[in-house]
Amino acid sequence: MMTGHMAVTILGSGTCVPSLERSSCAVMVTVGESKILLDSGAGTMRRLLQAETTIFELSHIIYSHFHPDHTGELVPLLFATKYPDSHRRRSPLSICAGEGLAKFINGLKSVYGRWIELEPGLMDIIEVNVNGRDTLRFKGFTVETIPVKHNPESIAIRINSANGSSVVYSGDTDFCENLITIAHDADILICEAALPDDQKVAGHLTPSLAGDIASRAGVSQLVLTHFYPECEKADISKECRKTFAGPLLLAHDLMKLELS
């Protein structure tokens, strides 16, 4: 793949509610040779295989927050990484999230012990600032994060390729200025729209609120995701069109988008 080329694959467009069509939250962003996993809810590894990607190809995992529908397959992923010998991880895996990531992983190790411990030097734990904007620099791309309105550790994530392409992932959030800030002029905003407009709950967005954020940020394309079953009974596109007139997609598992 050419240097700087970006691609986005929606691995999970659903929630904690079991669904045959929608796995829990997960997105893969490919930048050049790097494969970055954003969240890893239930069903992620199966969807990765369907997207012709193995867990050993992942270079980074970035968590928007620690709720189970966003982190549920971290333990199985780490466990599977150790087996079989012929396919063990050989290159480091960077795991990034907000404050509390090390404590979160240590808590998992207290339950599962050595079964999720990788060989020395193969797992890099990075905690980002949850009190303001932060930037991580990697070969060929940068990761920007900013706190959003959901959990204390919740962050929105922006990935910028070396050639200027950008993808923003909202994670879970209520309406907040920080998401508008980090999504400014992004090529793609992948934004949660958990429930229809008339069923708004605290800590989550609706289609029209997501559209409002996208309009204010001036994004080139909006992809709505994180749909509870109630969304299947509503006209999500129509609700979003109250506030957003640009290119709009409703996410489904294994949807793929290419950026130059």
Protein backbone atom coordinates (compact mmCIF):
# COMPACT_ATOMS: atom_id res chain seq x y z
CA MET A 1 0.00 0.00 0.00
CA MET A 2 1.31 3.45 -0.91
CA THR A 3 2.75 5.67 1.84
CA GLY A 4 0.09 7.91 3.38
CA HIS A 5 -2.88 6.11 1.79
CA MET A 6 -5.77 5.77 4.23
CA ALA A 7 -8.67 3.33 4.37
CA VAL A 8 -11.43 2.91 6.94
CA THR A 9 -13.26 -0.34 7.68
CA ILE A 10 -16.25 -0.35 10.01
CA LEU A 11 -15.88 -3.62 11.92
CA GLY A 12 -18.69 -3.06 14.39
CA SER A 13 -21.57 -0.61 13.95
CA GLY A 14 -23.69 -1.79 16.87
CA THR A 15 -23.81 -1.60 20.65
CA CYS A 16 -23.96 -3.92 23.65
CA VAL A 17 -27.21 -5.39 22.31
CA PRO A 18 -26.55 -8.76 20.60
CA SER A 19 -27.19 -8.62 16.86
CA LEU A 20 -26.52 -10.89 13.91
CA GLU A 21 -25.99 -7.85 11.66
CA ARG A 22 -24.06 -5.47 13.90
CA SER A 23 -21.04 -6.33 16.04
CA SER A 24 -20.13 -4.08 18.95
CA CYS A 25 -18.03 -0.98 18.38
CA ALA A 26 -14.83 -1.27 16.33
CA VAL A 27 -13.23 0.57 13.42
CA MET A 28 -9.98 -0.18 11.60
CA VAL A 29 -8.01 2.65 10.02
CA THR A 30 -5.17 1.68 7.68
CA VAL A 31 -2.44 4.24 7.05
CA GLY A 32 0.28 2.95 4.76
CA GLU A 33 1.53 -0.23 6.42
CA SER A 34 0.00 0.56 9.83
CA LYS A 35 -3.32 -0.93 10.90
CA ILE A 36 -4.96 0.96 13.76
CA LEU A 37 -7.89 -0.55 15.64
CA LEU A 38 -10.27 1.93 17.29
CA ASP A 39 -12.11 0.04 20.04
CA SER A 40 -12.64 -3.72 20.11
CA GLY A 41 -16.14 -4.69 21.12
CA ALA A 42 -17.56 -8.20 20.84
CA GLY A 43 -17.22 -9.61 17.32
CA THR A 44 -14.13 -7.60 16.37
CA MET A 45 -11.78 -10.51 15.64
CA ARG A 46 -14.31 -12.27 13.43
CA ARG A 47 -14.92 -9.05 11.50
CA LEU A 48 -11.16 -8.53 11.14
CA LEU A 49 -10.87 -11.93 9.48
CA GLN A 50 -13.77 -11.07 7.18
CA ALA A 51 -11.86 -7.89 6.32
CA GLU A 52 -8.86 -10.10 5.43
CA THR A 53 -6.81 -8.88 8.39
CA THR A 54 -5.29 -10.91 11.21
CA ILE A 55 -4.74 -9.70 14.76
CA PHE A 56 -0.99 -9.99 14.16
CA GLU A 57 -1.17 -7.23 11.55
CA LEU A 58 -2.55 -4.69 14.03
CA SER A 59 0.06 -2.11 14.98
CA HIS A 60 -2.05 0.03 17.35
CA ILE A 61 -5.24 -0.24 19.40
CA ILE A 62 -6.78 3.01 20.62
CA TYR A 63 -9.69 2.96 23.05
CA SER A 64 -12.24 5.75 23.22
CA HIS A 65 -13.23 4.58 26.72
CA PHE A 66 -13.44 1.42 28.80
CA HIS A 67 -17.09 0.32 28.53
CA PRO A 68 -17.43 -3.40 27.68
CA ASP A 69 -19.01 -2.83 24.25
CA HIS A 70 -15.82 -0.97 23.28
CA THR A 71 -13.18 -3.12 25.01
CA GLY A 72 -14.77 -6.57 25.28
CA GLU A 73 -12.42 -8.38 22.91
CA LEU A 74 -9.13 -7.05 24.27
CA VAL A 75 -8.69 -10.13 26.49
CA PRO A 76 -9.48 -12.65 23.72
CA LEU A 77 -7.26 -10.70 21.33
CA LEU A 78 -4.27 -10.74 23.66
CA PHE A 79 -4.86 -14.42 24.48
CA ALA A 80 -5.08 -15.34 20.78
CA THR A 81 -1.91 -13.35 20.08
CA LYS A 82 0.07 -15.93 22.07
CA TYR A 83 -1.03 -18.93 19.99
CA PRO A 84 0.06 -20.73 17.88
CA ASP A 85 3.84 -20.39 17.96
CA SER A 86 4.09 -20.00 14.22
CA HIS A 87 1.86 -16.92 14.32
CA ARG A 88 2.89 -15.25 17.57
CA ARG A 89 3.26 -11.49 17.49
CA ARG A 90 6.76 -10.44 16.47
CA SER A 91 6.35 -6.64 16.33
CA PRO A 92 5.23 -4.32 19.17
CA LEU A 93 1.55 -3.51 19.72
CA SER A 94 0.83 0.00 21.01
CA ILE A 95 -2.31 0.27 23.15
CA CYS A 96 -3.49 3.83 23.74
CA ALA A 97 -6.36 5.29 25.77
CA GLY A 98 -7.19 7.93 28.33
CA GLU A 99 -6.25 8.06 31.98
CA GLY A 100 -6.57 4.71 33.73
CA LEU A 101 -5.43 2.47 30.86
CA ALA A 102 -2.55 0.92 32.83
CA LYS A 103 -4.86 0.30 35.79
CA PHE A 104 -7.47 -1.22 33.45
CA ILE A 105 -4.98 -3.64 31.89
CA ASN A 106 -3.45 -4.53 35.25
CA GLY A 107 -6.95 -5.33 36.49
CA LEU A 108 -7.43 -7.71 33.56
CA LYS A 109 -4.05 -9.31 34.33
CA SER A 110 -5.12 -9.84 37.94
CA VAL A 111 -7.90 -12.07 36.58
CA TYR A 112 -6.21 -13.73 33.58
CA GLY A 113 -2.55 -13.57 34.59
CA ARG A 114 0.08 -14.76 32.13
CA TRP A 115 -2.52 -15.77 29.55
CA ILE A 116 -2.80 -12.16 28.39
CA GLU A 117 0.79 -11.08 29.06
CA LEU A 118 2.86 -10.61 25.92
CA GLU A 119 6.59 -11.10 25.72
CA PRO A 120 8.72 -8.18 26.99
CA GLY A 121 8.86 -5.34 24.48
CA LEU A 122 5.78 -6.44 22.53
CA MET A 123 3.16 -4.27 24.26
CA ASP A 124 3.48 -0.51 24.72
CA ILE A 125 0.92 1.17 27.00
CA ILE A 126 0.27 4.86 26.27
CA GLU A 127 -2.09 7.05 28.31
CA VAL A 128 -3.16 10.32 26.70
CA ASN A 129 -4.14 13.56 28.39
CA VAL A 130 -7.84 13.71 29.33
CA ASN A 131 -7.69 17.36 30.43
CA GLY A 132 -7.05 18.76 26.97
CA ARG A 133 -5.91 18.04 23.45
CA ASP A 134 -3.01 15.63 23.01
CA THR A 135 -0.94 14.44 20.05
CA LEU A 136 0.93 11.18 19.51
CA ARG A 137 3.38 10.90 16.63
CA PHE A 138 4.01 7.63 14.81
CA LYS A 139 5.70 6.72 11.54
CA GLY A 140 3.51 8.07 8.73
CA PHE A 141 0.68 9.44 10.86
CA THR A 142 -0.29 11.33 13.99
CA VAL A 143 -3.06 10.63 16.49
CA GLU A 144 -4.82 13.55 18.12
CA THR A 145 -7.17 13.07 21.07
CA ILE A 146 -9.49 15.32 23.03
CA PRO A 147 -11.81 14.63 25.99
CA VAL A 148 -15.51 14.22 25.24
CA LYS A 149 -18.67 14.04 27.33
CA HIS A 150 -19.32 10.45 28.35
CA ASN A 151 -16.91 8.85 30.88
CA PRO A 152 -13.99 10.50 32.71
CA GLU A 153 -11.55 8.72 30.37
CA SER A 154 -13.56 9.27 27.18
CA ILE A 155 -11.76 10.71 24.17
CA ALA A 156 -12.48 11.45 20.54
CA ILE A 157 -9.70 10.38 18.19
CA ARG A 158 -8.34 12.00 15.02
CA ILE A 159 -5.88 10.19 12.76
CA ASN A 160 -3.93 12.34 10.30
CA SER A 161 -1.88 10.74 7.53
CA ALA A 162 1.39 12.22 6.29
CA ASN A 163 -0.32 13.35 3.09
CA GLY A 164 -2.98 15.36 4.94
CA SER A 165 -5.96 12.97 4.99
CA SER A 166 -7.87 12.75 8.27
CA VAL A 167 -10.41 10.53 10.00
CA VAL A 168 -12.15 11.38 13.27
CA TYR A 169 -13.87 8.85 15.53
CA SER A 170 -16.20 10.25 18.17
CA GLY A 171 -16.38 7.27 20.49
CA ASP A 172 -19.37 7.69 22.80
CA THR A 173 -20.27 11.26 23.69
CA ASP A 174 -23.01 13.76 24.30
CA PHE A 175 -22.98 17.03 22.39
CA CYS A 176 -19.76 18.90 23.15
CA GLU A 177 -17.61 21.63 21.62
CA ASN A 178 -14.50 19.46 21.87
CA LEU A 179 -15.80 17.06 19.23
CA ILE A 180 -16.46 19.98 16.89
CA THR A 181 -12.93 21.23 17.55
CA ILE A 182 -11.13 17.97 16.80
CA ALA A 183 -13.33 17.21 13.76
CA HIS A 184 -12.64 20.59 12.11
CA ASP A 185 -12.23 20.09 8.32
CA ALA A 186 -11.84 16.31 8.69
CA ASP A 187 -12.28 14.17 5.58
CA ILE A 188 -14.44 11.68 7.49
CA LEU A 189 -16.21 11.94 10.84
CA ILE A 190 -17.36 8.57 12.21
CA CYS A 191 -19.90 9.68 14.77
CA GLU A 192 -22.16 7.82 17.14
CA ALA A 193 -25.91 8.33 16.78
CA ALA A 194 -27.07 5.84 19.34
CA LEU A 195 -30.79 6.53 19.36
CA PRO A 196 -33.39 8.42 17.30
CA ASP A 197 -33.99 12.10 18.03
CA ASP A 198 -37.07 11.52 20.16
CA GLN A 199 -35.28 8.97 22.39
CA LYS A 200 -32.24 11.03 23.41
CA VAL A 201 -30.38 9.80 26.51
CA ALA A 202 -27.59 11.46 28.47
CA GLY A 203 -24.08 10.68 27.25
CA HIS A 204 -25.06 9.86 23.68
CA LEU A 205 -25.88 11.64 20.44
CA THR A 206 -28.85 11.44 18.10
CA PRO A 207 -28.77 11.75 14.29
CA SER A 208 -29.64 15.46 14.24
CA LEU A 209 -27.09 16.27 16.95
CA ALA A 210 -24.39 14.33 15.10
CA GLY A 211 -25.35 16.24 11.94
CA ASP A 212 -25.10 19.55 13.78
CA ILE A 213 -21.59 18.67 14.98
CA ALA A 214 -20.54 17.66 11.47
CA SER A 215 -21.92 20.88 9.98
CA ARG A 216 -20.21 23.08 12.54
CA ALA A 217 -16.93 21.23 12.06
CA GLY A 218 -17.11 21.44 8.26
CA VAL A 219 -16.37 17.76 7.70
CA SER A 220 -16.32 16.40 4.16
CA GLN A 221 -18.24 13.21 4.96
CA LEU A 222 -20.27 12.00 7.94
CA VAL A 223 -20.65 8.33 8.84
CA LEU A 224 -23.21 7.57 11.55
CA THR A 225 -22.67 4.47 13.69
CA HIS A 226 -23.26 2.84 17.12
CA PHE A 227 -26.91 2.07 16.43
CA TYR A 228 -29.19 0.62 19.09
CA PRO A 229 -32.09 -1.50 17.75
CA GLU A 230 -34.45 1.50 18.02
CA CYS A 231 -32.54 3.10 15.14
CA GLU A 232 -33.62 0.31 12.81
CA LYS A 233 -37.22 1.50 13.18
CA ALA A 234 -36.50 5.19 12.48
CA ASP A 235 -35.47 7.20 9.41
CA ILE A 236 -31.99 8.03 10.67
CA SER A 237 -30.92 9.73 7.44
CA LYS A 238 -33.95 12.02 7.46
CA GLU A 239 -33.30 13.00 11.06
CA CYS A 240 -29.66 13.77 10.31
CA ARG A 241 -30.66 15.84 7.26
CA LYS A 242 -32.31 18.37 9.60
CA THR A 243 -28.81 19.62 10.40
CA PHE A 244 -26.36 18.21 7.84
CA ALA A 245 -26.50 18.58 4.05
CA GLY A 246 -23.18 16.96 3.09
CA PRO A 247 -22.27 13.40 2.09
CA LEU A 248 -23.83 11.00 4.60
CA LEU A 249 -23.51 7.26 5.18
CA LEU A 250 -25.11 4.95 7.71
CA ALA A 251 -22.47 2.49 8.90
CA HIS A 252 -22.82 -1.25 8.55
CA ASP A 253 -20.34 -3.94 9.47
CA LEU A 254 -17.52 -4.35 6.92
CA MET A 255 -18.27 -1.03 5.18
CA LYS A 256 -14.99 0.21 3.66
CA LEU A 257 -14.03 3.76 2.70
CA GLU A 258 -10.89 4.79 0.81
CA LEU A 259 -9.02 8.08 1.12
CA SER A 260 -6.24 9.19 -1.20
